[in-house]
N, C-alpha and C. Protein backbone atom coordinates (compact mmCIF):
# COMPACT_ATOMS: atom_id res chain seq x y z
N MET A 1 -7.84 13.83 -2.32
CA MET A 1 -8.29 12.99 -3.33
C MET A 1 -8.43 13.85 -4.60
N MET A 2 -8.25 13.19 -5.71
CA MET A 2 -8.19 13.81 -7.06
C MET A 2 -9.06 13.00 -7.96
N ILE A 3 -9.82 13.69 -8.82
CA ILE A 3 -10.55 13.00 -9.89
C ILE A 3 -9.87 13.30 -11.18
N ASP A 4 -9.51 12.28 -11.92
CA ASP A 4 -8.70 12.43 -13.18
C ASP A 4 -9.55 11.80 -14.30
N THR A 5 -10.14 12.48 -15.07
CA THR A 5 -11.07 11.87 -16.13
C THR A 5 -10.25 11.38 -17.23
N GLY A 6 -8.97 11.43 -17.21
CA GLY A 6 -8.06 10.84 -18.23
C GLY A 6 -7.34 9.60 -17.70
N ALA A 7 -7.55 9.30 -16.40
CA ALA A 7 -6.90 8.15 -15.87
C ALA A 7 -7.70 6.87 -16.15
N ASN A 8 -7.06 5.81 -16.53
CA ASN A 8 -7.78 4.58 -16.82
C ASN A 8 -8.21 3.83 -15.58
N ALA A 9 -7.48 4.04 -14.49
CA ALA A 9 -7.70 3.18 -13.29
C ALA A 9 -7.74 4.18 -12.04
N SER A 10 -8.40 3.74 -11.08
CA SER A 10 -8.43 4.42 -9.72
C SER A 10 -7.21 3.89 -8.96
N ILE A 11 -6.50 4.77 -8.39
CA ILE A 11 -5.32 4.37 -7.58
C ILE A 11 -5.31 5.01 -6.14
N MET A 12 -4.55 4.26 -5.25
CA MET A 12 -4.32 4.88 -4.00
C MET A 12 -2.87 4.42 -3.64
N SER A 13 -2.38 5.22 -2.71
CA SER A 13 -0.95 4.91 -2.18
C SER A 13 -1.02 3.82 -1.17
N ARG A 14 0.10 3.14 -0.96
CA ARG A 14 0.27 2.10 0.10
C ARG A 14 -0.11 2.76 1.51
N GLN A 15 0.36 3.93 1.70
CA GLN A 15 0.09 4.58 2.95
C GLN A 15 -1.36 4.79 3.27
N VAL A 16 -2.25 5.14 2.25
CA VAL A 16 -3.58 5.31 2.40
C VAL A 16 -4.25 3.88 2.68
N ALA A 17 -3.82 2.94 1.95
CA ALA A 17 -4.31 1.49 2.07
C ALA A 17 -3.96 1.08 3.51
N GLN A 18 -2.88 1.35 4.02
CA GLN A 18 -2.48 0.94 5.32
C GLN A 18 -3.34 1.67 6.37
N GLN A 19 -3.55 2.94 6.18
CA GLN A 19 -4.41 3.76 7.04
C GLN A 19 -5.84 3.11 7.13
N LEU A 20 -6.40 2.74 6.00
CA LEU A 20 -7.67 2.21 5.97
C LEU A 20 -7.80 0.78 6.44
N GLY A 21 -6.55 0.06 6.64
CA GLY A 21 -6.60 -1.27 7.07
C GLY A 21 -6.93 -2.29 6.02
N ILE A 22 -6.70 -2.02 4.74
CA ILE A 22 -7.15 -2.90 3.70
C ILE A 22 -6.05 -3.71 3.02
N MET A 23 -4.93 -3.46 3.44
CA MET A 23 -3.75 -4.20 2.85
C MET A 23 -3.87 -5.76 2.83
N GLY A 24 -4.70 -6.22 3.72
CA GLY A 24 -4.91 -7.72 3.84
C GLY A 24 -5.83 -8.17 2.76
N THR A 25 -6.50 -7.24 2.03
CA THR A 25 -7.43 -7.68 0.98
C THR A 25 -6.70 -7.49 -0.45
N LEU A 26 -5.48 -7.08 -0.40
CA LEU A 26 -4.76 -6.76 -1.65
C LEU A 26 -4.52 -7.99 -2.51
N ASP A 27 -5.03 -7.97 -3.78
CA ASP A 27 -4.73 -9.01 -4.68
C ASP A 27 -3.44 -8.83 -5.39
N ARG A 28 -2.43 -9.53 -4.92
CA ARG A 28 -1.09 -9.27 -5.48
C ARG A 28 -0.76 -9.89 -6.89
N SER A 29 -1.79 -10.55 -7.45
CA SER A 29 -1.63 -11.02 -8.81
C SER A 29 -1.58 -9.92 -9.83
N TYR A 30 -2.02 -8.66 -9.40
CA TYR A 30 -1.92 -7.51 -10.16
C TYR A 30 -0.70 -6.72 -10.04
N ALA A 31 0.23 -7.17 -9.27
CA ALA A 31 1.46 -6.46 -9.04
C ALA A 31 2.31 -6.32 -10.32
N GLY A 32 2.99 -5.19 -10.44
CA GLY A 32 3.94 -4.89 -11.60
C GLY A 32 4.31 -3.46 -11.61
N THR A 33 4.51 -2.94 -12.74
CA THR A 33 4.87 -1.53 -12.88
C THR A 33 3.81 -0.76 -13.56
N CYS A 34 3.41 0.33 -12.98
CA CYS A 34 2.41 1.19 -13.53
C CYS A 34 3.07 2.40 -14.24
N GLY A 35 2.60 2.70 -15.43
CA GLY A 35 3.18 3.72 -16.21
C GLY A 35 2.23 4.72 -16.70
N GLY A 36 2.65 5.91 -16.92
CA GLY A 36 1.86 6.99 -17.34
C GLY A 36 2.76 8.20 -17.56
N ILE A 37 2.65 9.21 -16.71
CA ILE A 37 3.59 10.26 -16.56
C ILE A 37 4.61 9.75 -15.45
N GLY A 38 5.68 9.11 -15.93
CA GLY A 38 6.58 8.45 -15.03
C GLY A 38 6.09 7.01 -14.74
N SER A 39 6.67 6.44 -13.60
CA SER A 39 6.27 5.05 -13.42
C SER A 39 6.30 4.80 -11.93
N ALA A 40 5.59 3.84 -11.46
CA ALA A 40 5.55 3.48 -9.92
C ALA A 40 5.39 1.94 -9.88
N GLN A 41 5.84 1.45 -8.71
CA GLN A 41 5.58 -0.06 -8.44
C GLN A 41 4.18 -0.18 -8.00
N MET A 42 3.40 -1.07 -8.71
CA MET A 42 2.07 -1.40 -8.45
C MET A 42 2.09 -2.72 -7.49
N LEU A 43 1.53 -2.60 -6.29
CA LEU A 43 1.61 -3.61 -5.29
C LEU A 43 0.48 -4.64 -5.55
N GLY A 44 -0.63 -4.20 -6.10
CA GLY A 44 -1.79 -5.09 -6.34
C GLY A 44 -3.09 -4.26 -6.44
N ARG A 45 -4.15 -4.96 -6.34
CA ARG A 45 -5.49 -4.38 -6.48
C ARG A 45 -6.40 -4.73 -5.27
N VAL A 46 -7.18 -3.75 -4.90
CA VAL A 46 -8.16 -4.00 -3.84
C VAL A 46 -9.54 -3.82 -4.61
N SER A 47 -10.39 -4.83 -4.58
CA SER A 47 -11.69 -4.85 -5.32
C SER A 47 -12.84 -4.62 -4.44
N GLY A 48 -13.77 -3.89 -4.95
CA GLY A 48 -15.13 -3.71 -4.32
C GLY A 48 -15.04 -2.90 -3.06
N LEU A 49 -14.24 -1.87 -3.03
CA LEU A 49 -14.14 -0.98 -1.85
C LEU A 49 -15.25 0.02 -1.87
N GLY A 50 -16.04 0.11 -0.83
CA GLY A 50 -17.11 1.09 -0.72
C GLY A 50 -16.56 2.50 -0.56
N VAL A 51 -16.93 3.33 -1.55
CA VAL A 51 -16.61 4.76 -1.43
C VAL A 51 -17.81 5.60 -1.40
N THR A 52 -17.79 6.55 -0.50
CA THR A 52 -18.94 7.42 -0.27
C THR A 52 -18.60 8.76 -0.74
N LEU A 53 -19.40 9.30 -1.70
CA LEU A 53 -19.25 10.68 -2.16
C LEU A 53 -20.62 11.34 -1.90
N GLY A 54 -20.62 12.25 -0.85
CA GLY A 54 -21.88 12.85 -0.42
C GLY A 54 -22.86 11.76 0.05
N GLU A 55 -23.99 11.61 -0.52
CA GLU A 55 -24.91 10.59 -0.12
C GLU A 55 -24.81 9.39 -0.94
N LEU A 56 -23.99 9.28 -1.93
CA LEU A 56 -23.80 8.21 -2.82
C LEU A 56 -22.67 7.30 -2.42
N THR A 57 -22.89 5.94 -2.26
CA THR A 57 -21.84 5.03 -2.05
C THR A 57 -21.80 4.13 -3.21
N VAL A 58 -20.57 3.89 -3.71
CA VAL A 58 -20.36 3.05 -4.87
C VAL A 58 -19.20 2.10 -4.61
N GLU A 59 -19.16 0.94 -5.18
CA GLU A 59 -18.07 0.03 -5.04
C GLU A 59 -17.02 0.27 -6.08
N MET A 60 -15.75 0.36 -5.79
CA MET A 60 -14.76 0.73 -6.67
C MET A 60 -13.60 -0.20 -6.49
N ASP A 61 -12.84 -0.40 -7.56
CA ASP A 61 -11.60 -1.17 -7.49
C ASP A 61 -10.49 -0.07 -7.47
N PHE A 62 -9.34 -0.34 -6.73
CA PHE A 62 -8.19 0.56 -6.63
C PHE A 62 -6.93 -0.28 -6.82
N MET A 63 -6.05 0.33 -7.67
CA MET A 63 -4.72 -0.23 -7.74
C MET A 63 -3.99 0.40 -6.60
N VAL A 64 -3.24 -0.35 -5.92
CA VAL A 64 -2.42 0.29 -4.73
C VAL A 64 -0.94 0.33 -5.23
N LEU A 65 -0.35 1.72 -5.06
CA LEU A 65 0.89 1.90 -5.55
C LEU A 65 1.90 2.19 -4.43
N ASP A 66 3.09 1.80 -4.65
CA ASP A 66 4.12 2.25 -3.72
C ASP A 66 4.50 3.63 -4.00
N ALA A 67 4.14 4.55 -3.18
CA ALA A 67 4.22 6.02 -3.53
C ALA A 67 5.48 6.59 -2.85
N THR A 68 6.44 5.88 -2.52
CA THR A 68 7.56 6.51 -1.85
C THR A 68 8.32 7.50 -2.64
N GLN A 69 8.20 7.49 -3.89
CA GLN A 69 8.96 8.43 -4.80
C GLN A 69 7.99 9.59 -5.18
N MET A 70 6.73 9.57 -4.76
CA MET A 70 5.74 10.64 -5.13
C MET A 70 5.75 11.72 -4.06
N PRO A 71 5.46 12.92 -4.47
CA PRO A 71 5.43 14.03 -3.59
C PRO A 71 4.36 13.95 -2.54
N SER A 72 3.20 13.27 -2.80
CA SER A 72 2.18 13.13 -1.86
C SER A 72 1.96 11.64 -1.57
N LYS A 73 2.23 11.32 -0.31
CA LYS A 73 2.12 9.88 0.13
C LYS A 73 0.64 9.49 0.37
N GLY A 74 -0.23 10.42 0.51
CA GLY A 74 -1.73 10.26 0.75
C GLY A 74 -2.50 10.33 -0.45
N LEU A 75 -2.04 9.75 -1.51
CA LEU A 75 -2.69 9.86 -2.84
C LEU A 75 -3.91 8.94 -3.01
N ILE A 76 -4.99 9.51 -3.42
CA ILE A 76 -6.17 8.77 -3.90
C ILE A 76 -6.57 9.45 -5.17
N LEU A 77 -6.68 8.66 -6.30
CA LEU A 77 -7.08 9.19 -7.55
C LEU A 77 -8.21 8.38 -8.03
N LEU A 78 -9.33 9.09 -8.38
CA LEU A 78 -10.54 8.31 -8.93
C LEU A 78 -10.40 8.45 -10.45
N GLY A 79 -10.36 7.34 -11.08
CA GLY A 79 -10.22 7.30 -12.63
C GLY A 79 -11.53 6.84 -13.28
N LEU A 80 -11.42 6.40 -14.55
CA LEU A 80 -12.68 6.18 -15.29
C LEU A 80 -13.22 4.75 -15.03
N ASP A 81 -12.41 3.85 -14.38
CA ASP A 81 -12.92 2.61 -14.18
C ASP A 81 -13.99 2.45 -13.19
């Protein structure tokens, strides 16, 4: 997991979403191309996912990316959203 204070959105790879069993909750109306440093295919968004950091649990939204071209297939990035 990475925290990127310059990222506008929190993202995770398709592989992580599949491991978590949340692909069925994917809102595909958010599908498209995600750009920044390079680009990736955005498969959609998962909303209200409970994330626990230490003793704090917060609900977060994640954009799910097809990370087949990325060096790390197990990507989770926490952004400013």
